[in-house]
Amino acid sequence: MSDNKPDWSKTCWRDMLVYQRKSMWREDTLDMLAAWMGMKPGHTVVDVGCGLGYLGYTYWEYFGSGGKYLGVDRTPELLESAREAALDWGNGGTTKFVESDAYALPVEDNAVDIAMCQALLMHLERPGDALAEMKRIVRPGGRVVCFEADNLSAQMTVPHWSLPELSAEEFLLSRKVYLLANKGRIKLGRGDSSIGRKIPHLMAQIGLAEVDVRLNDKVHFLEPPYESRFQRDAIEKLEKQFFDEERYRTMVDREREEFLAGGGTEEEHSRARALGKRYREALRKELDARTYFACALGLTSAVMGKKPE
C-alpha cells in the first residue's frame, strides 16, 4: 500500500523531520544513550529511514572518529540534502547515503556494529520484518536500536494546561477519535501510532537478546515567557503543527480517512473537528498573548536488543 505513505519530499512532511527533532533529547540523555548502546569511535552504524541524517549527526561525536555511517532511505530528495549536510558534520570518518527499502537493506549479513532507526517503524505496515532485516545486518554481539513513540498512549493522557477544560463527553469523543483513527491507520497499512510500546516484544520474537528500554525524560513543559531553548523549540513545533495550513489540512484529512476506516462515523468526526477548531482558536489567542502554559508527558522510547553471539 505504498500509495498510502507520506511523500516526505513535500514541504509539510519534510519540515516535520526538522522541527520535530529540535531539542528532542537532552544532551546528557544522549551521552547516557550512547554509553548504553556501547557506541565507540570506529563503529559502523546503519541508520534505516535516515531522512535528513538526524541520527548520524546526533551520534557522530560518539562513533564518527574512524567510524562509518550508512543512511538508508526511500526518498531521493531527502538523501540528496542529507549528503550535502554530511559534508559539514561527517568529518573524521566515512558517510554514505543509499536509496533503498527498509525491508531489503543493501548491506551484507553480520556486517555492522549498530543498526538503528527513529520514527520509522511507526510508519511501516510490517515493522517486524524491518526489525528482522536490521538484525540480519548486525554482527553477533551487535545492537539493534529503535527510537520510537507511543503517540496513542500520549494522546490518551490528561495534560495540565491553560486551554479550556473539556467536558467528560468531549474528552471521551476526542480519545475515541485517537483510538479508532489508529485502528484505521493500521488497517490502511499506514503504520501504528502505538508502536513504541510494542517494539520490545517484537524484538524478543525475532530472537534479539537482552532487550532493554529507556524512556525519553523530556517533558512537554511550557511556561511564559518561554525563555529556554527547549521551550522556544516547543513553541515553534506548536506553530508548525497547528497553524501551518498545508500541514494542518493534510493531517485532518488523513485523520478522517483513518477514523472512518477504524469504525468511526462522519457525524462523530464532524463533532470532533468542531471541538478541534475551538481549541485551535483558543491556542492561537493564548500564544499571541503569551499566556499559554502546559505540562504534559511525552512517550518516546529507546529500545535496544542484542544479536546473540
Protein backbone atom coordinates (compact mmCIF):
# COMPACT_ATOMS: atom_id res chain seq x y z
CA MET A 1 0.00 0.00 0.00
CA SER A 2 2.79 2.40 -0.87
CA ASP A 3 0.30 4.94 -2.19
CA ASN A 4 -0.81 5.47 1.42
CA LYS A 5 2.65 6.56 2.58
CA PRO A 6 3.53 10.22 3.17
CA ASP A 7 5.54 11.90 0.44
CA TRP A 8 8.42 13.08 2.61
CA SER A 9 9.74 15.31 -0.17
CA LYS A 10 6.69 17.58 0.21
CA THR A 11 7.20 20.66 2.33
CA CYS A 12 4.72 19.87 5.12
CA TRP A 13 6.25 16.41 5.70
CA ARG A 14 9.87 17.40 5.16
CA ASP A 15 9.54 20.24 7.69
CA MET A 16 8.45 17.70 10.30
CA LEU A 17 11.84 16.00 10.00
CA VAL A 18 13.39 19.24 11.23
CA TYR A 19 11.12 20.87 13.81
CA GLN A 20 10.03 17.63 15.49
CA ARG A 21 13.67 16.74 16.16
CA LYS A 22 14.76 20.07 17.63
CA SER A 23 15.55 19.59 21.32
CA MET A 24 14.06 16.10 21.09
CA TRP A 25 16.56 14.67 23.59
CA ARG A 26 18.52 16.39 26.33
CA GLU A 27 22.29 16.48 25.82
CA ASP A 28 23.03 14.44 28.94
CA THR A 29 20.44 11.88 27.82
CA LEU A 30 22.30 11.48 24.52
CA ASP A 31 25.51 10.84 26.47
CA MET A 32 23.73 8.19 28.50
CA LEU A 33 22.16 6.55 25.45
CA ALA A 34 25.47 6.39 23.56
CA ALA A 35 27.09 4.66 26.55
CA TRP A 36 24.07 2.34 26.94
CA MET A 37 24.36 1.33 23.27
CA GLY A 38 28.07 0.67 23.71
CA MET A 39 28.78 3.13 20.91
CA LYS A 40 32.51 3.64 20.33
CA PRO A 41 34.78 5.51 17.89
CA GLY A 42 35.33 3.40 14.79
CA HIS A 43 31.93 1.68 14.88
CA THR A 44 29.95 1.03 11.72
CA VAL A 45 26.37 2.30 12.08
CA VAL A 46 23.41 1.94 9.71
CA ASP A 47 20.52 4.38 10.03
CA VAL A 48 17.35 2.94 8.49
CA GLY A 49 14.83 5.51 7.28
CA CYS A 50 17.51 8.13 7.81
CA GLY A 51 15.62 11.09 6.33
CA LEU A 52 17.96 14.07 6.59
CA GLY A 53 20.53 12.08 8.62
CA TYR A 54 19.38 13.08 12.11
CA LEU A 55 20.79 10.01 13.89
CA GLY A 56 24.05 10.39 12.01
CA TYR A 57 24.82 13.93 13.08
CA THR A 58 23.34 13.41 16.54
CA TYR A 59 25.60 10.46 17.41
CA TRP A 60 28.61 11.21 15.18
CA GLU A 61 30.64 12.57 18.08
CA TYR A 62 30.36 9.19 19.79
CA PHE A 63 31.38 6.89 16.89
CA GLY A 64 32.45 9.07 13.97
CA SER A 65 36.21 9.20 14.62
CA GLY A 66 37.32 6.45 12.27
CA GLY A 67 33.72 5.27 12.03
CA LYS A 68 31.35 4.55 9.16
CA TYR A 69 27.77 5.76 8.79
CA LEU A 70 25.31 4.49 6.19
CA GLY A 71 21.99 6.29 5.86
CA VAL A 72 19.25 4.37 4.06
CA ASP A 73 16.01 5.97 2.89
CA ARG A 74 13.49 5.58 0.07
CA THR A 75 13.15 9.31 -0.69
CA PRO A 76 15.90 10.55 -3.04
CA GLU A 77 15.21 14.24 -2.32
CA LEU A 78 15.93 13.72 1.38
CA LEU A 79 19.07 11.72 0.64
CA GLU A 80 20.42 14.48 -1.58
CA SER A 81 20.00 17.02 1.23
CA ALA A 82 21.47 14.60 3.77
CA ARG A 83 24.59 14.09 1.64
CA GLU A 84 25.13 17.83 1.42
CA ALA A 85 24.67 18.32 5.16
CA ALA A 86 27.08 15.47 5.97
CA LEU A 87 29.88 17.44 4.31
CA ASP A 88 29.74 19.68 7.39
CA TRP A 89 29.24 17.18 10.21
CA GLY A 90 30.74 13.93 8.89
CA ASN A 91 34.42 14.70 9.42
CA GLY A 92 36.95 12.13 10.62
CA GLY A 93 35.06 9.12 9.30
CA THR A 94 33.01 7.91 6.33
CA THR A 95 29.40 8.78 5.50
CA LYS A 96 27.29 7.30 2.73
CA PHE A 97 23.63 7.56 1.78
CA VAL A 98 21.76 4.96 -0.27
CA GLU A 99 18.21 4.80 -1.63
CA SER A 100 16.65 1.52 -0.56
CA ASP A 101 13.76 -0.12 1.25
CA ALA A 102 13.70 -0.94 4.96
CA TYR A 103 12.69 -4.50 4.11
CA ALA A 104 15.75 -5.12 1.88
CA LEU A 105 18.79 -3.28 3.22
CA PRO A 106 21.79 -3.08 0.86
CA VAL A 107 24.16 -4.49 3.50
CA GLU A 108 25.74 -7.92 3.91
CA ASP A 109 24.90 -10.25 6.80
CA ASN A 110 26.69 -9.66 10.11
CA ALA A 111 28.39 -6.53 8.80
CA VAL A 112 27.71 -3.64 11.20
CA ASP A 113 28.00 -2.81 14.88
CA ILE A 114 24.70 -0.97 15.29
CA ALA A 115 21.55 -0.76 13.17
CA MET A 116 19.23 1.99 14.31
CA CYS A 117 16.10 3.88 13.32
CA GLN A 118 13.96 6.72 14.61
CA ALA A 119 10.26 7.31 13.87
CA LEU A 120 10.43 4.68 11.13
CA LEU A 121 8.58 1.64 12.43
CA MET A 122 5.50 3.72 13.24
CA HIS A 123 5.04 4.31 9.50
CA LEU A 124 5.56 0.72 8.33
CA GLU A 125 2.96 -1.91 7.55
CA ARG A 126 5.36 -4.70 8.59
CA PRO A 127 7.57 -3.36 11.40
CA GLY A 128 8.59 -6.86 12.48
CA ASP A 129 10.03 -7.58 9.03
CA ALA A 130 12.06 -4.35 9.14
CA LEU A 131 13.41 -5.30 12.57
CA ALA A 132 14.39 -8.74 11.29
CA GLU A 133 16.28 -7.11 8.43
CA MET A 134 18.11 -4.85 10.88
CA LYS A 135 19.01 -7.91 12.93
CA ARG A 136 20.35 -9.64 9.80
CA ILE A 137 22.94 -6.96 9.06
CA VAL A 138 24.21 -6.62 12.64
CA ARG A 139 27.21 -8.70 13.68
CA PRO A 140 26.85 -11.21 16.54
CA GLY A 141 27.01 -9.14 19.71
CA GLY A 142 25.92 -6.02 17.84
CA ARG A 143 22.87 -3.94 18.66
CA VAL A 144 19.54 -3.05 17.05
CA VAL A 145 18.25 0.24 18.47
CA CYS A 146 14.88 1.87 17.77
CA PHE A 147 13.77 5.32 18.88
CA GLU A 148 10.00 5.28 18.53
CA ALA A 149 6.99 6.99 20.06
CA ASP A 150 3.81 5.63 21.56
CA ASN A 151 1.74 8.56 20.34
CA LEU A 152 -1.55 6.82 21.00
CA SER A 153 -0.85 6.44 24.74
CA ALA A 154 0.43 10.02 24.90
CA GLN A 155 -2.81 11.25 23.33
CA MET A 156 -4.81 9.38 25.97
CA THR A 157 -3.17 11.24 28.87
CA VAL A 158 -4.59 14.38 30.51
CA PRO A 159 -2.31 17.44 30.25
CA HIS A 160 -2.25 20.30 32.72
CA TRP A 161 -2.63 23.43 30.62
CA SER A 162 -4.30 26.79 30.22
CA LEU A 163 -6.72 25.73 27.46
CA PRO A 164 -10.43 25.35 28.27
CA GLU A 165 -11.37 22.21 30.19
CA LEU A 166 -13.23 19.53 28.25
CA SER A 167 -16.48 18.06 29.45
CA ALA A 168 -16.44 14.33 30.10
CA GLU A 169 -18.33 13.73 26.83
CA GLU A 170 -15.91 15.88 24.83
CA PHE A 171 -12.92 14.18 26.41
CA LEU A 172 -14.26 10.72 25.56
CA LEU A 173 -15.07 11.78 21.98
CA SER A 174 -11.57 13.15 21.39
CA ARG A 175 -10.00 9.95 22.74
CA LYS A 176 -12.34 7.81 20.66
CA VAL A 177 -11.09 9.63 17.57
CA TYR A 178 -7.45 8.92 18.51
CA LEU A 179 -8.19 5.25 19.21
CA LEU A 180 -10.24 4.48 16.10
CA ALA A 181 -8.00 6.55 13.84
CA ASN A 182 -5.06 4.39 14.90
CA LYS A 183 -7.07 1.24 14.21
CA GLY A 184 -7.83 2.63 10.75
CA ARG A 185 -4.21 3.63 10.23
CA ILE A 186 -3.16 0.03 10.83
CA LYS A 187 -5.94 -1.28 8.60
CA LEU A 188 -4.88 1.05 5.76
CA GLY A 189 -1.26 -0.07 6.01
CA ARG A 190 0.00 3.31 7.19
CA GLY A 191 1.68 2.09 10.33
CA ASP A 192 0.88 2.12 14.04
CA SER A 193 1.00 5.17 16.31
CA SER A 194 1.33 2.92 19.36
CA ILE A 195 4.35 1.02 18.02
CA GLY A 196 6.71 2.33 20.73
CA ARG A 197 5.33 0.02 23.42
CA LYS A 198 5.24 -2.99 21.09
CA ILE A 199 8.87 -2.98 19.97
CA PRO A 200 10.33 -4.88 22.99
CA HIS A 201 8.02 -7.83 22.26
CA LEU A 202 8.75 -7.65 18.52
CA MET A 203 12.49 -7.75 19.26
CA ALA A 204 12.07 -10.77 21.52
CA GLN A 205 10.02 -12.53 18.83
CA ILE A 206 12.84 -12.27 16.26
CA GLY A 207 15.43 -13.60 18.70
CA LEU A 208 17.19 -10.48 19.92
CA ALA A 209 18.58 -10.89 23.43
CA GLU A 210 18.93 -8.60 26.45
CA VAL A 211 16.08 -6.38 25.23
CA ASP A 212 16.02 -3.17 27.24
CA VAL A 213 14.12 0.13 27.16
CA ARG A 214 14.92 3.73 28.07
CA LEU A 215 12.20 6.38 28.18
CA ASN A 216 12.90 9.89 26.96
CA ASP A 217 12.96 12.12 30.05
CA LYS A 218 11.90 15.17 28.05
CA VAL A 219 8.56 16.65 29.23
CA HIS A 220 6.40 18.99 27.16
CA PHE A 221 6.67 21.92 29.56
CA LEU A 222 5.80 25.48 28.58
CA GLU A 223 5.55 28.47 30.91
CA PRO A 224 5.67 32.14 29.83
CA PRO A 225 7.93 33.87 28.91
CA TYR A 226 9.33 30.69 27.26
CA GLU A 227 12.96 31.56 27.93
CA SER A 228 14.76 28.24 27.48
CA ARG A 229 15.82 26.75 24.14
CA PHE A 230 13.58 23.75 24.82
CA GLN A 231 10.55 25.98 25.27
CA ARG A 232 11.30 28.11 22.21
CA ASP A 233 11.62 24.97 20.12
CA ALA A 234 8.33 23.68 21.56
CA ILE A 235 6.59 26.92 20.56
CA GLU A 236 7.94 26.55 17.02
CA LYS A 237 6.60 22.99 16.93
CA LEU A 238 3.14 24.14 18.03
CA GLU A 239 3.12 26.84 15.37
CA LYS A 240 4.01 24.30 12.68
CA GLN A 241 1.63 21.60 13.90
CA PHE A 242 -1.47 23.74 14.24
CA PHE A 243 -1.01 26.86 12.14
CA ASP A 244 0.81 25.68 9.02
CA GLU A 245 -2.34 25.39 6.91
CA GLU A 246 -0.96 22.84 4.42
CA ARG A 247 0.17 20.53 7.19
CA TYR A 248 -2.97 21.03 9.29
CA ARG A 249 -5.35 20.27 6.41
CA THR A 250 -3.26 17.26 5.35
CA MET A 251 -3.32 15.79 8.86
CA VAL A 252 -7.05 16.46 9.36
CA ASP A 253 -7.86 14.76 6.05
CA ARG A 254 -5.70 11.74 6.92
CA GLU A 255 -7.24 11.53 10.38
CA ARG A 256 -10.73 11.49 8.89
CA GLU A 257 -9.84 8.68 6.47
CA GLU A 258 -8.26 6.64 9.26
CA PHE A 259 -11.08 7.29 11.74
CA LEU A 260 -13.71 6.14 9.25
CA ALA A 261 -11.60 3.09 8.33
CA GLY A 262 -11.33 2.28 12.05
CA GLY A 263 -15.11 2.24 12.52
CA GLY A 264 -15.94 5.86 13.32
CA THR A 265 -18.77 7.87 11.76
CA GLU A 266 -18.87 11.10 9.79
CA GLU A 267 -21.08 12.67 12.47
CA GLU A 268 -18.59 11.85 15.23
CA HIS A 269 -15.69 13.20 13.22
CA SER A 270 -17.59 16.42 12.46
CA ARG A 271 -18.20 16.96 16.18
CA ALA A 272 -14.57 16.21 16.95
CA ARG A 273 -13.38 18.68 14.30
CA ALA A 274 -15.64 21.39 15.73
CA LEU A 275 -14.03 20.74 19.09
CA GLY A 276 -10.59 20.85 17.49
CA LYS A 277 -11.39 24.16 15.82
CA ARG A 278 -12.39 25.64 19.16
CA TYR A 279 -9.16 24.50 20.76
CA ARG A 280 -7.09 25.73 17.85
CA GLU A 281 -8.62 29.20 18.18
CA ALA A 282 -8.02 29.22 21.93
CA LEU A 283 -4.40 28.14 21.44
CA ARG A 284 -3.82 30.90 18.86
CA LYS A 285 -5.21 33.51 21.23
CA GLU A 286 -3.09 32.32 24.18
CA LEU A 287 0.12 32.02 22.14
CA ASP A 288 -0.33 35.55 20.82
CA ALA A 289 -0.94 36.84 24.33
CA ARG A 290 1.92 34.69 25.68
CA THR A 291 -0.35 33.25 28.36
CA TYR A 292 -0.31 29.61 27.24
CA PHE A 293 1.17 27.12 29.70
CA ALA A 294 1.30 23.34 29.60
CA CYS A 295 2.90 20.35 31.24
CA ALA A 296 2.33 17.02 29.51
CA LEU A 297 4.09 13.69 29.20
CA GLY A 298 5.74 12.51 26.01
CA LEU A 299 6.15 8.80 25.45
CA THR A 300 9.16 8.24 23.19
CA SER A 301 11.30 5.22 23.97
CA ALA A 302 14.74 3.95 23.03
CA VAL A 303 14.52 0.17 22.68
CA MET A 304 17.63 -1.98 22.22
CA GLY A 305 18.22 -5.64 21.57
CA LYS A 306 21.49 -7.56 21.17
CA LYS A 307 22.14 -10.09 18.43
CA PRO A 308 23.20 -13.32 20.16
CA GLU A 309 26.91 -14.14 19.94
